[in-house]
Amino acid sequence: MAAAQPGTVALKVPRGRTSSGEIDYLSLSFAGLLAETDAWCARLAAKGVRRGDRALLMVRPGLPLIASAFALFKIGAVPVIVDPGMGLRNFLSCVAHSRPRALVGIPLAQILSRLCRRPFRSIETRIPVSGSHTARIRKAPGGDAADAASAASGDLAAILFTSGSTGAPKGVCYEHGMFEAQVGLIRSTYGIEPGEVDLPLLPIFALFNPALGMTSVIPEIDPRHPALADPAKIVQAIRQENITNSFGSPTVWRKVAKYCRANDLTLPSLRRVLCAGAPVPADLWEASRSILPNGKLHSPYGATEALPVSSVSVDEMDAAATRGACVGKPVVGVEVKIIPISDQPIPILDPGMEVPGGAVGEIIVRGPMVTREYDGLPDATAGAKIADPSSPGSVWHRMGDCGTLDDSGRLWFFGRKVERVVTKGGTMFTEPCEQVFRVHPRARRCALIGVRSEPALVVETRIRGSADARKLVAELRALALQHPHTSKLMTFYFRPDFPVDVRHNAKIHRLALASWARSSLAYSSD
């Protein structure tokens, strides 16, 4: 991209406000970003970072993240990227498990590595990074461009950790060929063109932009707490910089949509918004029609281990659906099958393993971007991967989700497999059940849980005394009786807030809610 469009802006990082109130950005062209990356290559080499080394990245979003990550790719090292907001215990466990040889980190990261010696005991070299979002390093003496290390498609490229929303975070091994396939699938699925401008509301997605030829405008957002993002700042950046593309969670985009509607604003420059991390609620699909006059809201479906799998746009959505969340048709080159639900490893895919058409089962996927293994976790790999004897070397990934394929080939998400509630009357799935109750004006969010083998619903709302609770229970029970799959749900809990994942602040921790409910006040419709 530096050769194709050297003068095009590759990166814009906010550094304050102008006298007129506009966001003041540090800008760097693709040629400048390449030079910055080459300077990083020299610095890493001087610190003894070698081909094949694992390097833990603990840097801020923006220039330090993009330049250091691509420099590591260029010299053949392996970036290890862990979400900083997953909690200190989980974070240190991920560091210890991944065994990085190098640490590229801001001052706080360097201090942490000294204080918590055991998890960082594999570190042999430390490369300090300024704490600033905008700091650049000086060009190395000589200034020659670094030669890129050769890499085969199957060579390890990076280790990215899952969010741990339904278990301990796991390191996912990404090969160079998988990244190449991802870039191609994202470009072709959404028609992304070089010269577009992206606002990545999840920092790691900024790493795709240089390969796609898009300008990255770094948002004024704390990646550890996306739910606390100021929608006014996001909207200002979109309108000021003529953003054409943005990726973010439903939690963030719901705030943006609410702000736009309250202030009678639209976002005319946006061609597409990619919204993922949890099912997109019906009200956000509807709001997108008015705030995106020249664009569309899309929801890609996938996981850290396989992305993208499928995609759905606002034009395909049925706001009244109560059968699950439609996540669209598989993207070109990706296969999806529905197999019987099992909590046991499945070593080999049998030819007749698929469930009958329209039946609910476990979602498995195969494609060029599907990862093959977890880092140093053979049992987890065995539980998530299935070999296909009809295609030697081919791997199916078990998404850990339940769903179905309809007659037109669209995939419907029913919920996480570990969060299904098995009752005497059958299995209940989170998404179809929760959709029934989201229409209630006081239900900010809902969560189906199992308590002592019985189904229950937790509603995120504030209760104003027992009379208010009884009234709300009666209204929720009336909604339950309108649908066969919720008609036996008679127990309700209320909480003012839900525990959610750190990456998107959107995935509900239903297992944590189930544990909480065992010792909390339940309301019954009896």
Protein backbone atom coordinates (compact mmCIF):
# COMPACT_ATOMS: atom_id res chain seq x y z
CA MET A 1 0.00 0.00 0.00
CA ALA A 2 2.93 2.33 0.61
CA ALA A 3 3.95 1.74 -3.01
CA ALA A 4 0.41 2.00 -4.40
CA GLN A 5 -0.70 5.09 -2.45
CA PRO A 6 2.33 6.53 -0.61
CA GLY A 7 0.82 9.96 0.05
CA THR A 8 -2.56 8.71 1.25
CA VAL A 9 -3.11 9.12 4.98
CA ALA A 10 -2.74 5.77 6.73
CA LEU A 11 -3.28 6.83 10.32
CA LYS A 12 -4.79 9.73 12.24
CA VAL A 13 -4.37 9.87 16.01
CA PRO A 14 -6.23 12.43 18.15
CA ARG A 15 -4.05 14.75 20.22
CA GLY A 16 -6.46 17.43 21.43
CA ARG A 17 -8.78 20.11 20.04
CA THR A 18 -8.20 23.07 17.77
CA SER A 19 -9.29 26.57 18.72
CA SER A 20 -12.49 26.00 16.74
CA GLY A 21 -13.32 22.81 18.65
CA GLU A 22 -12.38 20.33 15.91
CA ILE A 23 -10.39 17.22 16.79
CA ASP A 24 -6.69 17.81 16.16
CA TYR A 25 -5.00 14.76 14.64
CA LEU A 26 -1.44 13.61 14.09
CA SER A 27 -1.47 12.28 10.50
CA LEU A 28 0.86 9.74 8.97
CA SER A 29 0.90 8.64 5.31
CA PHE A 30 1.31 5.04 4.14
CA ALA A 31 4.90 5.89 3.18
CA GLY A 32 5.41 7.37 6.63
CA LEU A 33 3.87 4.34 8.32
CA LEU A 34 6.20 2.06 6.35
CA ALA A 35 9.19 4.17 7.45
CA GLU A 36 7.95 4.02 11.02
CA THR A 37 7.62 0.24 10.78
CA ASP A 38 11.14 -0.07 9.36
CA ALA A 39 12.48 2.02 12.25
CA TRP A 40 10.72 -0.37 14.62
CA CYS A 41 12.31 -3.32 12.81
CA ALA A 42 15.75 -1.84 13.46
CA ARG A 43 14.94 -1.16 17.08
CA LEU A 44 13.60 -4.67 17.68
CA ALA A 45 16.64 -6.23 16.01
CA ALA A 46 18.96 -4.09 18.14
CA LYS A 47 17.21 -5.45 21.23
CA GLY A 48 17.76 -9.02 20.08
CA VAL A 49 14.26 -9.86 18.85
CA ARG A 50 14.62 -12.68 16.34
CA ARG A 51 12.56 -14.56 13.79
CA GLY A 52 10.15 -16.91 15.58
CA ASP A 53 10.31 -15.04 18.91
CA ARG A 54 7.04 -14.45 20.69
CA ALA A 55 6.63 -10.78 21.62
CA LEU A 56 3.98 -9.65 24.09
CA LEU A 57 2.42 -6.36 22.92
CA MET A 58 1.33 -4.09 25.78
CA VAL A 59 0.94 -0.78 23.96
CA ARG A 60 -1.80 1.76 23.41
CA PRO A 61 -4.06 1.80 20.34
CA GLY A 62 -2.85 3.91 17.46
CA LEU A 63 0.62 4.33 16.05
CA PRO A 64 2.54 2.24 18.63
CA LEU A 65 0.22 -0.76 18.17
CA ILE A 66 0.12 -0.71 14.37
CA ALA A 67 3.81 0.08 13.78
CA SER A 68 5.16 -2.41 16.33
CA ALA A 69 2.78 -5.21 15.26
CA PHE A 70 3.69 -4.86 11.57
CA ALA A 71 7.37 -4.63 12.43
CA LEU A 72 7.12 -7.93 14.28
CA PHE A 73 5.38 -9.47 11.28
CA LYS A 74 8.08 -8.09 9.01
CA ILE A 75 11.00 -9.60 10.94
CA GLY A 76 9.19 -12.91 11.34
CA ALA A 77 8.44 -12.61 15.07
CA VAL A 78 5.06 -13.57 16.58
CA PRO A 79 2.95 -10.86 18.29
CA VAL A 80 1.03 -12.04 21.37
CA ILE A 81 -2.05 -9.87 21.96
CA VAL A 82 -4.08 -10.11 25.17
CA ASP A 83 -7.06 -7.94 26.12
CA PRO A 84 -5.91 -5.64 28.94
CA GLY A 85 -9.40 -5.42 30.43
CA MET A 86 -9.93 -9.13 31.16
CA GLY A 87 -8.79 -8.73 34.76
CA LEU A 88 -5.29 -8.98 36.19
CA ARG A 89 -5.50 -12.66 37.15
CA ASN A 90 -6.67 -13.76 33.69
CA PHE A 91 -4.18 -11.45 32.01
CA LEU A 92 -1.21 -12.80 33.98
CA SER A 93 -2.35 -16.35 33.32
CA CYS A 94 -2.40 -15.65 29.57
CA VAL A 95 1.08 -14.13 29.72
CA ALA A 96 2.50 -17.10 31.61
CA HIS A 97 0.89 -19.59 29.25
CA SER A 98 2.06 -17.89 26.04
CA ARG A 99 5.72 -17.76 27.20
CA PRO A 100 6.80 -14.60 25.31
CA ARG A 101 10.53 -13.98 24.93
CA ALA A 102 10.15 -10.23 24.34
CA LEU A 103 7.98 -7.53 25.89
CA VAL A 104 7.06 -4.45 23.86
CA GLY A 105 5.31 -2.26 26.38
CA ILE A 106 4.46 1.13 27.84
CA PRO A 107 6.04 2.12 31.19
CA LEU A 108 3.18 0.62 33.23
CA ALA A 109 3.65 -2.70 31.42
CA GLN A 110 7.37 -2.65 32.15
CA ILE A 111 6.70 -2.04 35.85
CA LEU A 112 4.10 -4.83 35.95
CA SER A 113 6.56 -7.26 34.40
CA ARG A 114 9.05 -6.48 37.19
CA LEU A 115 6.52 -6.73 40.00
CA CYS A 116 4.86 -9.93 38.77
CA ARG A 117 8.00 -11.85 37.95
CA ARG A 118 6.61 -15.38 37.72
CA PRO A 119 4.16 -14.83 34.79
CA PHE A 120 6.85 -12.82 32.96
CA ARG A 121 9.74 -15.19 33.71
CA SER A 122 10.13 -16.12 30.02
CA ILE A 123 10.94 -12.49 29.09
CA GLU A 124 14.56 -12.05 28.01
CA THR A 125 14.40 -8.62 26.35
CA ARG A 126 12.26 -5.56 27.00
CA ILE A 127 11.51 -2.83 24.46
CA PRO A 128 10.08 0.30 26.08
CA VAL A 129 7.34 2.29 24.36
CA SER A 130 6.19 5.79 25.25
CA GLY A 131 2.86 5.96 27.05
CA SER A 132 1.60 8.47 24.48
CA HIS A 133 -0.89 7.47 21.77
CA THR A 134 1.05 9.55 19.28
CA ALA A 135 4.72 9.08 20.15
CA ARG A 136 7.01 8.06 17.31
CA ILE A 137 10.48 6.61 17.51
CA ARG A 138 13.40 8.16 15.69
CA LYS A 139 14.53 6.79 12.39
CA ALA A 140 17.37 4.33 12.89
CA PRO A 141 20.81 5.32 11.55
CA GLY A 142 21.12 4.36 7.91
CA GLY A 143 17.37 4.51 7.41
CA ASP A 144 17.24 1.68 4.89
CA ALA A 145 13.99 -0.25 4.48
CA ALA A 146 13.97 -3.56 6.33
CA ASP A 147 13.75 -6.73 4.29
CA ALA A 148 10.62 -8.72 5.02
CA ALA A 149 11.22 -12.23 6.37
CA SER A 150 9.86 -14.96 4.14
CA ALA A 151 6.83 -16.76 5.52
CA ALA A 152 4.94 -19.82 4.39
CA SER A 153 1.16 -19.96 4.59
CA GLY A 154 1.29 -22.39 7.52
CA ASP A 155 3.85 -20.46 9.59
CA LEU A 156 2.70 -19.10 12.94
CA ALA A 157 1.88 -15.39 12.57
CA ALA A 158 0.33 -14.32 15.89
CA ILE A 159 -1.38 -15.51 19.05
CA LEU A 160 -4.66 -13.76 19.82
CA PHE A 161 -6.56 -14.52 23.00
CA THR A 162 -10.29 -15.17 23.22
CA SER A 163 -12.33 -12.91 25.49
CA GLY A 164 -13.09 -15.72 27.95
CA SER A 165 -16.80 -14.88 28.06
CA THR A 166 -17.78 -18.52 28.71
CA GLY A 167 -14.54 -19.88 30.18
CA ALA A 168 -10.87 -19.16 30.63
CA PRO A 169 -9.29 -17.10 27.79
CA LYS A 170 -7.38 -19.25 25.30
CA GLY A 171 -4.57 -18.35 22.94
CA VAL A 172 -5.57 -18.89 19.30
CA CYS A 173 -2.76 -19.73 16.88
CA TYR A 174 -3.05 -17.70 13.68
CA GLU A 175 -1.04 -18.66 10.62
CA HIS A 176 -0.03 -16.19 7.89
CA GLY A 177 -2.34 -17.86 5.39
CA MET A 178 -5.30 -17.38 7.74
CA PHE A 179 -4.65 -13.65 8.04
CA GLU A 180 -4.35 -13.38 4.27
CA ALA A 181 -7.66 -15.20 3.85
CA GLN A 182 -9.34 -12.98 6.45
CA VAL A 183 -8.26 -9.81 4.68
CA GLY A 184 -9.55 -11.15 1.37
CA LEU A 185 -12.89 -12.26 2.82
CA ILE A 186 -13.48 -8.93 4.58
CA ARG A 187 -12.59 -6.98 1.42
CA SER A 188 -14.83 -9.03 -0.89
CA THR A 189 -17.77 -9.47 1.49
CA TYR A 190 -18.18 -5.76 2.19
CA GLY A 191 -16.73 -4.23 -0.96
CA ILE A 192 -14.05 -2.30 0.92
CA GLU A 193 -11.79 -0.23 -1.33
CA PRO A 194 -8.39 1.43 -0.80
CA GLY A 195 -8.82 5.07 0.16
CA GLU A 196 -11.72 4.49 2.53
CA VAL A 197 -11.62 5.87 6.09
CA ASP A 198 -12.23 3.61 9.09
CA LEU A 199 -13.02 4.33 12.73
CA PRO A 200 -12.05 1.08 14.54
CA LEU A 201 -13.99 1.01 17.81
CA LEU A 202 -12.24 -2.27 18.63
CA PRO A 203 -8.49 -1.50 18.48
CA ILE A 204 -7.31 -4.82 17.09
CA PHE A 205 -9.36 -4.27 13.93
CA ALA A 206 -7.12 -1.32 13.10
CA LEU A 207 -4.50 -3.94 12.19
CA PHE A 208 -6.58 -4.97 9.16
CA ASN A 209 -6.73 -1.44 7.75
CA PRO A 210 -3.18 -1.07 6.37
CA ALA A 211 -3.64 -4.30 4.40
CA LEU A 212 -7.02 -3.07 3.13
CA GLY A 213 -5.65 0.36 2.18
CA MET A 214 -7.97 2.17 4.57
CA THR A 215 -7.11 5.20 6.67
CA SER A 216 -7.37 4.41 10.40
CA VAL A 217 -8.82 7.22 12.50
CA ILE A 218 -8.15 6.24 16.11
CA PRO A 219 -11.26 6.90 18.24
CA GLU A 220 -11.28 8.70 21.58
CA ILE A 221 -12.34 5.62 23.52
CA ASP A 222 -10.91 3.52 26.34
CA PRO A 223 -10.67 0.00 24.85
CA ARG A 224 -10.91 -1.48 28.35
CA HIS A 225 -14.36 0.06 28.87
CA PRO A 226 -16.18 0.46 25.53
CA ALA A 227 -19.54 0.80 27.29
CA LEU A 228 -18.31 4.09 28.79
CA ALA A 229 -17.53 5.59 25.39
CA ASP A 230 -18.76 9.14 24.82
CA PRO A 231 -21.05 8.98 21.75
CA ALA A 232 -20.59 12.72 21.12
CA LYS A 233 -16.86 12.19 20.49
CA ILE A 234 -17.53 9.22 18.19
CA VAL A 235 -20.12 11.16 16.19
CA GLN A 236 -17.82 14.19 15.93
CA ALA A 237 -15.01 12.02 14.54
CA ILE A 238 -17.34 10.38 12.00
CA ARG A 239 -18.73 13.65 10.72
CA GLN A 240 -15.45 15.60 10.80
CA GLU A 241 -13.30 12.93 9.10
CA ASN A 242 -15.96 11.62 6.68
CA ILE A 243 -15.66 8.11 8.04
CA THR A 244 -16.87 5.47 5.56
CA ASN A 245 -16.49 2.32 7.67
CA SER A 246 -16.60 1.43 11.35
CA PHE A 247 -16.54 -1.73 13.44
CA GLY A 248 -17.93 -1.81 16.97
CA SER A 249 -20.10 -3.69 19.43
CA PRO A 250 -23.89 -3.32 19.72
CA THR A 251 -23.34 -1.66 23.09
CA VAL A 252 -21.32 1.20 21.58
CA TRP A 253 -23.47 1.60 18.47
CA ARG A 254 -26.65 1.67 20.54
CA LYS A 255 -25.22 4.68 22.38
CA VAL A 256 -24.28 6.34 19.10
CA ALA A 257 -27.75 5.73 17.64
CA LYS A 258 -29.45 7.12 20.74
CA TYR A 259 -27.25 10.23 20.64
CA CYS A 260 -27.94 10.82 16.93
CA ARG A 261 -31.69 10.51 17.39
CA ALA A 262 -31.71 12.79 20.43
CA ASN A 263 -29.78 15.45 18.53
CA ASP A 264 -31.45 14.93 15.14
CA LEU A 265 -28.15 13.92 13.51
CA THR A 266 -27.30 11.54 10.69
CA LEU A 267 -24.00 10.01 9.58
CA PRO A 268 -24.11 10.47 5.79
CA SER A 269 -20.47 9.57 5.05
CA LEU A 270 -20.77 6.04 6.44
CA ARG A 271 -21.13 3.32 3.81
CA ARG A 272 -21.22 0.49 6.30
CA VAL A 273 -21.17 -0.21 10.01
CA LEU A 274 -20.01 -3.67 11.10
CA CYS A 275 -21.54 -4.58 14.43
CA ALA A 276 -20.51 -7.76 16.26
CA GLY A 277 -19.69 -9.25 19.64
CA ALA A 278 -23.31 -10.11 20.49
CA PRO A 279 -26.63 -10.28 18.60
CA VAL A 280 -27.69 -6.86 17.32
CA PRO A 281 -30.94 -5.82 19.11
CA ALA A 282 -34.02 -5.02 17.05
CA ASP A 283 -34.06 -1.36 18.08
CA LEU A 284 -30.52 -0.83 16.75
CA TRP A 285 -31.37 -2.43 13.40
CA GLU A 286 -34.32 -0.07 13.16
CA ALA A 287 -32.38 3.02 14.29
CA SER A 288 -29.69 2.36 11.68
CA ARG A 289 -32.19 3.03 8.89
CA SER A 290 -32.52 6.66 9.92
CA ILE A 291 -28.98 7.50 11.08
CA LEU A 292 -27.23 5.89 8.07
CA PRO A 293 -28.93 7.53 5.06
CA ASN A 294 -26.21 6.39 2.64
CA GLY A 295 -25.04 3.22 4.35
CA LYS A 296 -26.10 -0.02 5.98
CA LEU A 297 -25.64 -1.78 9.28
CA HIS A 298 -24.10 -5.24 8.88
CA SER A 299 -23.52 -7.91 11.51
CA PRO A 300 -20.67 -10.34 10.77
CA TYR A 301 -20.85 -13.62 12.67
CA GLY A 302 -17.73 -15.39 13.83
CA ALA A 303 -15.30 -15.83 16.70
CA THR A 304 -11.65 -15.27 17.47
CA GLU A 305 -11.05 -18.76 16.06
CA ALA A 306 -12.99 -18.18 12.83
CA LEU A 307 -13.94 -14.79 11.38
CA PRO A 308 -15.92 -13.96 9.30
CA VAL A 309 -18.27 -16.96 9.01
CA SER A 310 -21.40 -15.23 7.76
CA SER A 311 -22.89 -11.76 7.51
CA VAL A 312 -26.33 -10.20 7.57
CA SER A 313 -27.44 -6.65 6.72
CA VAL A 314 -30.36 -4.54 7.86
CA ASP A 315 -32.23 -5.33 4.63
CA GLU A 316 -32.43 -9.01 5.62
CA MET A 317 -33.66 -8.54 9.17
CA ASP A 318 -37.09 -9.40 10.54
CA ALA A 319 -37.54 -7.25 13.62
CA ALA A 320 -40.41 -9.46 14.84
CA ALA A 321 -38.41 -12.71 14.72
CA THR A 322 -38.54 -14.91 17.82
CA ARG A 323 -36.77 -17.96 16.39
CA GLY A 324 -33.24 -16.70 17.06
CA ALA A 325 -30.88 -14.15 15.57
CA CYS A 326 -30.39 -14.32 11.80
CA VAL A 327 -26.68 -14.04 11.06
CA GLY A 328 -27.01 -14.39 7.30
CA LYS A 329 -25.58 -16.67 4.67
CA PRO A 330 -22.02 -17.98 4.95
CA VAL A 331 -19.50 -15.76 3.17
CA VAL A 332 -18.03 -17.08 -0.08
CA GLY A 333 -15.53 -19.86 0.57
CA VAL A 334 -16.85 -20.77 4.04
CA GLU A 335 -18.91 -23.89 4.79
CA VAL A 336 -21.36 -24.27 7.67
CA LYS A 337 -22.94 -27.47 9.01
CA ILE A 338 -25.32 -28.18 11.87
CA ILE A 339 -24.56 -31.34 13.86
CA PRO A 340 -26.18 -32.89 16.96
CA ILE A 341 -25.33 -31.04 20.17
CA SER A 342 -22.59 -32.76 22.14
CA ASP A 343 -20.37 -31.76 25.03
CA GLN A 344 -17.79 -34.42 24.14
CA PRO A 345 -14.85 -34.23 21.69
CA ILE A 346 -15.62 -35.31 18.12
CA PRO A 347 -12.35 -36.48 16.51
CA ILE A 348 -13.73 -37.15 13.01
CA LEU A 349 -16.73 -35.84 11.09
CA ASP A 350 -18.94 -38.73 10.00
CA PRO A 351 -20.69 -38.23 6.63
CA GLY A 352 -24.18 -38.59 8.11
CA MET A 353 -23.62 -36.49 11.20
CA GLU A 354 -25.68 -33.45 10.14
CA VAL A 355 -29.11 -32.89 11.69
CA PRO A 356 -32.22 -32.86 9.45
CA GLY A 357 -32.93 -29.59 7.63
CA GLY A 358 -34.34 -26.91 9.90
CA ALA A 359 -33.43 -28.73 13.12
CA VAL A 360 -31.45 -27.00 15.88
CA GLY A 361 -27.97 -28.27 16.59
CA GLU A 362 -24.36 -27.25 17.07
CA ILE A 363 -22.72 -24.94 14.50
CA ILE A 364 -19.45 -26.06 12.89
CA VAL A 365 -17.53 -24.20 10.19
CA ARG A 366 -14.72 -24.78 7.71
CA GLY A 367 -12.83 -22.25 5.59
CA PRO A 368 -9.42 -20.73 4.82
CA MET A 369 -9.56 -18.42 7.85
CA VAL A 370 -10.48 -21.16 10.37
CA THR A 371 -7.71 -21.67 12.93
CA ARG A 372 -6.37 -25.16 13.64
CA GLU A 373 -5.39 -25.14 17.29
CA TYR A 374 -5.10 -23.37 20.62
CA ASP A 375 -1.65 -22.53 21.93
CA GLY A 376 -0.40 -25.33 24.17
CA LEU A 377 -3.92 -26.60 24.99
CA PRO A 378 -4.31 -30.02 23.37
CA ASP A 379 -7.49 -30.87 25.29
CA ALA A 380 -9.15 -27.59 24.27
CA THR A 381 -8.06 -28.17 20.67
CA ALA A 382 -9.50 -31.70 20.73
CA GLY A 383 -12.78 -30.36 22.07
CA ALA A 384 -13.11 -27.62 19.43
CA LYS A 385 -11.71 -29.14 16.22
CA ILE A 386 -13.01 -31.95 14.02
CA ALA A 387 -10.98 -33.65 11.29
CA ASP A 388 -12.72 -34.30 7.96
CA PRO A 389 -11.60 -37.58 6.34
CA SER A 390 -13.01 -36.47 2.99
CA SER A 391 -10.43 -33.66 2.88
CA PRO A 392 -7.07 -34.56 4.46
CA GLY A 393 -5.68 -31.72 6.56
CA SER A 394 -9.04 -29.97 6.66
CA VAL A 395 -10.39 -28.86 10.03
CA TRP A 396 -13.92 -27.99 11.15
CA HIS A 397 -14.20 -25.59 14.07
CA ARG A 398 -16.98 -26.06 16.63
CA MET A 399 -18.22 -22.53 17.25
CA GLY A 400 -19.58 -23.40 20.68
CA ASP A 401 -22.91 -22.02 19.47
CA CYS A 402 -26.28 -23.60 18.71
CA GLY A 403 -28.36 -22.71 15.70
CA THR A 404 -30.01 -23.84 12.50
CA LEU A 405 -29.93 -23.32 8.74
CA ASP A 406 -33.18 -22.31 7.03
CA ASP A 407 -34.39 -23.33 3.58
CA SER A 408 -32.63 -20.38 1.91
CA GLY A 409 -29.27 -21.22 3.49
CA ARG A 410 -29.33 -18.49 6.13
CA LEU A 411 -27.77 -19.29 9.50
CA TRP A 412 -29.72 -18.58 12.69
CA PHE A 413 -27.91 -18.18 16.02
CA PHE A 414 -29.75 -19.63 19.04
CA GLY A 415 -27.15 -19.04 21.75
CA ARG A 416 -23.99 -20.41 23.33
CA LYS A 417 -23.97 -24.17 23.80
CA VAL A 418 -22.86 -24.00 27.46
CA GLU A 419 -25.68 -21.54 28.22
CA ARG A 420 -28.55 -23.71 26.96
CA VAL A 421 -31.01 -24.74 29.67
CA VAL A 422 -31.96 -28.41 29.65
CA THR A 423 -35.30 -29.02 31.38
CA LYS A 424 -37.64 -31.99 31.74
CA GLY A 425 -39.74 -30.53 28.95
CA GLY A 426 -36.85 -30.06 26.55
CA THR A 427 -33.94 -27.74 25.80
CA MET A 428 -34.37 -23.98 25.91
CA PHE A 429 -31.98 -21.67 24.03
CA THR A 430 -31.07 -18.17 25.11
CA GLU A 431 -31.65 -16.09 21.97
CA PRO A 432 -35.19 -17.25 20.96
CA CYS A 433 -36.37 -16.96 24.58
CA GLU A 434 -34.78 -13.60 25.33
CA GLN A 435 -36.15 -12.06 22.12
CA VAL A 436 -39.68 -12.52 23.47
CA PHE A 437 -39.02 -10.29 26.47
CA ARG A 438 -36.80 -7.61 24.91
CA VAL A 439 -39.91 -5.86 23.59
CA HIS A 440 -40.84 -4.87 27.14
CA PRO A 441 -39.89 -1.18 27.62
CA ARG A 442 -38.28 -1.84 31.00
CA ALA A 443 -36.15 -4.77 29.88
CA ARG A 444 -32.80 -3.22 28.96
CA ARG A 445 -31.37 -6.71 28.62
CA CYS A 446 -32.59 -10.22 29.43
CA ALA A 447 -30.81 -13.47 30.23
CA LEU A 448 -32.22 -16.99 30.25
CA ILE A 449 -30.58 -19.08 32.97
CA GLY A 450 -31.07 -22.44 34.65
CA VAL A 451 -31.56 -22.56 38.42
CA ARG A 452 -31.73 -26.02 39.97
CA SER A 453 -32.76 -27.55 36.61
CA GLU A 454 -35.55 -25.02 36.12
CA PRO A 455 -35.57 -22.17 33.59
CA ALA A 456 -35.62 -18.57 34.81
CA LEU A 457 -35.23 -15.12 33.31
CA VAL A 458 -33.02 -12.34 34.67
CA VAL A 459 -34.06 -8.84 33.57
CA GLU A 460 -31.75 -5.84 33.71
CA THR A 461 -33.92 -3.16 35.31
CA ARG A 462 -34.43 -1.30 38.57
CA ILE A 463 -37.30 -2.39 40.80
CA ARG A 464 -39.23 0.12 42.90
CA GLY A 465 -40.55 -2.12 45.68
CA SER A 466 -42.43 -5.43 45.82
CA ALA A 467 -45.61 -4.11 44.22
CA ASP A 468 -43.63 -2.89 41.23
CA ALA A 469 -41.91 -6.28 41.00
CA ARG A 470 -45.21 -8.18 41.05
CA LYS A 471 -46.64 -5.94 38.34
CA LEU A 472 -43.58 -6.43 36.13
CA VAL A 473 -43.64 -10.20 36.67
CA ALA A 474 -47.28 -10.31 35.54
CA GLU A 475 -46.41 -8.39 32.37
CA LEU A 476 -43.44 -10.62 31.62
CA ARG A 477 -45.49 -13.75 32.24
CA ALA A 478 -48.11 -12.49 29.79
CA LEU A 479 -45.39 -12.15 27.15
CA ALA A 480 -44.14 -15.67 27.96
CA LEU A 481 -47.58 -17.16 27.35
CA GLN A 482 -47.68 -15.76 23.80
CA HIS A 483 -45.05 -18.23 22.58
CA PRO A 484 -44.83 -22.03 23.05
CA HIS A 485 -41.08 -22.01 23.68
CA THR A 486 -41.42 -19.59 26.63
CA SER A 487 -44.81 -20.62 28.00
CA LYS A 488 -43.32 -22.62 30.90
CA LEU A 489 -41.03 -19.81 32.07
CA MET A 490 -42.47 -18.62 35.39
CA THR A 491 -39.51 -17.50 37.52
CA PHE A 492 -37.95 -14.04 37.22
CA TYR A 493 -35.02 -12.18 38.75
CA PHE A 494 -34.16 -8.48 38.54
CA ARG A 495 -30.76 -6.77 38.56
CA PRO A 496 -29.79 -3.16 37.85
CA ASP A 497 -26.79 -4.25 35.76
CA PHE A 498 -25.41 -7.35 34.06
CA PRO A 499 -21.89 -8.80 34.06
CA VAL A 500 -20.56 -8.60 30.48
CA ASP A 501 -17.41 -9.40 28.53
CA VAL A 502 -14.50 -6.96 28.54
CA ARG A 503 -13.89 -6.91 24.78
CA HIS A 504 -17.29 -5.73 23.56
CA ASN A 505 -19.19 -5.04 26.82
CA ALA A 506 -22.02 -6.86 25.03
CA LYS A 507 -21.83 -10.59 25.76
CA ILE A 508 -23.78 -11.39 28.91
CA HIS A 509 -22.13 -13.68 31.46
CA ARG A 510 -25.18 -15.91 31.92
CA LEU A 511 -23.31 -18.57 33.89
CA ALA A 512 -22.28 -15.90 36.41
CA LEU A 513 -25.91 -14.76 36.61
CA ALA A 514 -27.03 -18.34 37.23
CA SER A 515 -24.58 -18.61 40.12
CA TRP A 516 -25.80 -15.26 41.50
CA ALA A 517 -29.45 -16.30 41.23
CA ARG A 518 -29.04 -19.35 43.48
CA SER A 519 -28.81 -17.07 46.51
CA SER A 520 -30.96 -14.16 45.27
CA LEU A 521 -34.62 -13.25 45.55
CA ALA A 522 -36.77 -14.89 42.89
CA TYR A 523 -40.21 -13.73 41.79
CA SER A 524 -42.70 -16.32 40.61
CA SER A 525 -45.87 -15.80 38.62
CA ASP A 526 -47.70 -18.45 40.65
